[in-house]
Amino acid sequence: MSNTPHDLAEEFPGQAEKIHALKIADAHFASLLAHYTEINRAVHRAETRIDALSEEAEATLRRQRLHLKDHIAHHLAHGADSHG
């Protein structure tokens, strides 16, 4: 598991198998996961001051992360037919 807070395993406990299955079956879902991981790492780097960002840029990243998390949750709830 990652040391970065808000890792998907923490955000969606007990759903690791479903996440993995959807990742394999659905390229769009796999893309959402990759983008979430990228944004989440950027947020963590900003929060720990590894990367210096303005408060506005950091807040924008957090909103992007939340938006992606919502999309991932929607896919987990509705399966591979939940594009959109």
C-alpha atoms as a PDB file:
ATOM      1  CA  MET A   1       0.000   0.000   0.000  1.00  0.00           C
ATOM      2  CA  SER A   2       1.094   3.550  -0.687  1.00  0.00           C
ATOM      3  CA  ASN A   3       2.183   5.959   2.031  1.00  0.00           C
ATOM      4  CA  THR A   4       0.166   8.654   0.299  1.00  0.00           C
ATOM      5  CA  PRO A   5      -3.089   9.520   2.093  1.00  0.00           C
ATOM      6  CA  HIS A   6      -6.344   9.048   0.171  1.00  0.00           C
ATOM      7  CA  ASP A   7      -5.049   5.926  -1.562  1.00  0.00           C
ATOM      8  CA  LEU A   8      -7.905   4.170  -3.376  1.00  0.00           C
ATOM      9  CA  ALA A   9      -7.652   1.163  -1.048  1.00  0.00           C
ATOM     10  CA  GLU A  10      -8.364   3.539   1.867  1.00  0.00           C
ATOM     11  CA  GLU A  11     -11.070   5.460   0.031  1.00  0.00           C
ATOM     12  CA  PHE A  12     -12.945   2.306  -1.042  1.00  0.00           C
ATOM     13  CA  PRO A  13     -12.259  -0.299   1.652  1.00  0.00           C
ATOM     14  CA  GLY A  14     -13.269  -3.847   0.790  1.00  0.00           C
ATOM     15  CA  GLN A  15     -13.578  -3.088  -2.909  1.00  0.00           C
ATOM     16  CA  ALA A  16     -10.045  -3.895  -4.097  1.00  0.00           C
ATOM     17  CA  GLU A  17     -11.197  -6.937  -6.103  1.00  0.00           C
ATOM     18  CA  LYS A  18     -13.986  -4.994  -7.803  1.00  0.00           C
ATOM     19  CA  ILE A  19     -11.603  -2.126  -8.595  1.00  0.00           C
ATOM     20  CA  HIS A  20      -9.122  -4.569 -10.112  1.00  0.00           C
ATOM     21  CA  ALA A  21     -11.802  -6.340 -12.169  1.00  0.00           C
ATOM     22  CA  LEU A  22     -13.199  -3.070 -13.527  1.00  0.00           C
ATOM     23  CA  LYS A  23      -9.691  -1.805 -14.259  1.00  0.00           C
ATOM     24  CA  ILE A  24      -9.060  -4.837 -16.440  1.00  0.00           C
ATOM     25  CA  ALA A  25     -12.484  -4.811 -18.129  1.00  0.00           C
ATOM     26  CA  ASP A  26     -12.950  -1.079 -18.691  1.00  0.00           C
ATOM     27  CA  ALA A  27     -10.270   1.155 -20.234  1.00  0.00           C
ATOM     28  CA  HIS A  28     -12.142   4.306 -19.193  1.00  0.00           C
ATOM     29  CA  PHE A  29     -12.203   3.146 -15.574  1.00  0.00           C
ATOM     30  CA  ALA A  30      -8.487   2.298 -15.753  1.00  0.00           C
ATOM     31  CA  SER A  31      -7.863   5.822 -17.029  1.00  0.00           C
ATOM     32  CA  LEU A  32      -9.878   7.296 -14.133  1.00  0.00           C
ATOM     33  CA  LEU A  33      -7.779   5.291 -11.667  1.00  0.00           C
ATOM     34  CA  ALA A  34      -4.512   6.442 -13.229  1.00  0.00           C
ATOM     35  CA  HIS A  35      -5.619  10.076 -13.244  1.00  0.00           C
ATOM     36  CA  TYR A  36      -6.828   9.832  -9.618  1.00  0.00           C
ATOM     37  CA  THR A  37      -3.459   8.392  -8.552  1.00  0.00           C
ATOM     38  CA  GLU A  38      -1.592  11.150 -10.403  1.00  0.00           C
ATOM     39  CA  ILE A  39      -3.713  13.946  -8.882  1.00  0.00           C
ATOM     40  CA  ASN A  40      -3.641  12.371  -5.419  1.00  0.00           C
ATOM     41  CA  ARG A  41       0.163  12.243  -5.487  1.00  0.00           C
ATOM     42  CA  ALA A  42       0.280  15.888  -6.586  1.00  0.00           C
ATOM     43  CA  VAL A  43      -2.008  16.861  -3.675  1.00  0.00           C
ATOM     44  CA  HIS A  44       0.140  14.921  -1.233  1.00  0.00           C
ATOM     45  CA  ARG A  45       3.333  16.534  -2.579  1.00  0.00           C
ATOM     46  CA  ALA A  46       1.755  19.973  -2.219  1.00  0.00           C
ATOM     47  CA  GLU A  47       0.447  19.269   1.297  1.00  0.00           C
ATOM     48  CA  THR A  48       3.841  18.036   2.471  1.00  0.00           C
ATOM     49  CA  ARG A  49       5.533  21.015   0.794  1.00  0.00           C
ATOM     50  CA  ILE A  50       7.635  18.843  -1.507  1.00  0.00           C
ATOM     51  CA  ASP A  51       6.164  20.922  -4.333  1.00  0.00           C
ATOM     52  CA  ALA A  52       5.404  24.577  -3.683  1.00  0.00           C
ATOM     53  CA  LEU A  53       1.947  25.469  -4.983  1.00  0.00           C
ATOM     54  CA  SER A  54      -0.344  28.383  -4.306  1.00  0.00           C
ATOM     55  CA  GLU A  55      -3.339  27.741  -2.061  1.00  0.00           C
ATOM     56  CA  GLU A  56      -5.550  28.165  -5.124  1.00  0.00           C
ATOM     57  CA  ALA A  57      -3.618  25.556  -7.134  1.00  0.00           C
ATOM     58  CA  GLU A  58      -3.702  23.140  -4.198  1.00  0.00           C
ATOM     59  CA  ALA A  59      -7.467  23.652  -3.802  1.00  0.00           C
ATOM     60  CA  THR A  60      -7.954  23.033  -7.528  1.00  0.00           C
ATOM     61  CA  LEU A  61      -6.086  19.744  -7.231  1.00  0.00           C
ATOM     62  CA  ARG A  62      -8.247  18.721  -4.267  1.00  0.00           C
ATOM     63  CA  ARG A  63     -11.417  19.481  -6.257  1.00  0.00           C
ATOM     64  CA  GLN A  64     -10.096  17.423  -9.175  1.00  0.00           C
ATOM     65  CA  ARG A  65      -9.346  14.548  -6.818  1.00  0.00           C
ATOM     66  CA  LEU A  66     -12.852  14.701  -5.351  1.00  0.00           C
ATOM     67  CA  HIS A  67     -14.404  14.809  -8.835  1.00  0.00           C
ATOM     68  CA  LEU A  68     -12.410  11.742  -9.898  1.00  0.00           C
ATOM     69  CA  LYS A  69     -13.289   9.935  -6.666  1.00  0.00           C
ATOM     70  CA  ASP A  70     -16.978  10.602  -7.356  1.00  0.00           C
ATOM     71  CA  HIS A  71     -16.627   9.137 -10.852  1.00  0.00           C
ATOM     72  CA  ILE A  72     -14.820   6.076  -9.492  1.00  0.00           C
ATOM     73  CA  ALA A  73     -17.530   5.585  -6.864  1.00  0.00           C
ATOM     74  CA  HIS A  74     -20.197   5.832  -9.580  1.00  0.00           C
ATOM     75  CA  HIS A  75     -18.430   3.144 -11.631  1.00  0.00           C
ATOM     76  CA  LEU A  76     -18.133   0.904  -8.588  1.00  0.00           C
ATOM     77  CA  ALA A  77     -21.825   1.298  -7.867  1.00  0.00           C
ATOM     78  CA  HIS A  78     -23.043   0.868 -11.447  1.00  0.00           C
ATOM     79  CA  GLY A  79     -20.377  -1.259 -13.152  1.00  0.00           C
ATOM     80  CA  ALA A  80     -18.766  -0.895 -16.551  1.00  0.00           C
ATOM     81  CA  ASP A  81     -21.886   0.600 -18.156  1.00  0.00           C
ATOM     82  CA  SER A  82     -21.592   3.832 -16.156  1.00  0.00           C
ATOM     83  CA  HIS A  83     -19.619   6.052 -18.551  1.00  0.00           C
ATOM     84  CA  GLY A  84     -20.677   9.664 -18.458  1.00  0.00           C
END
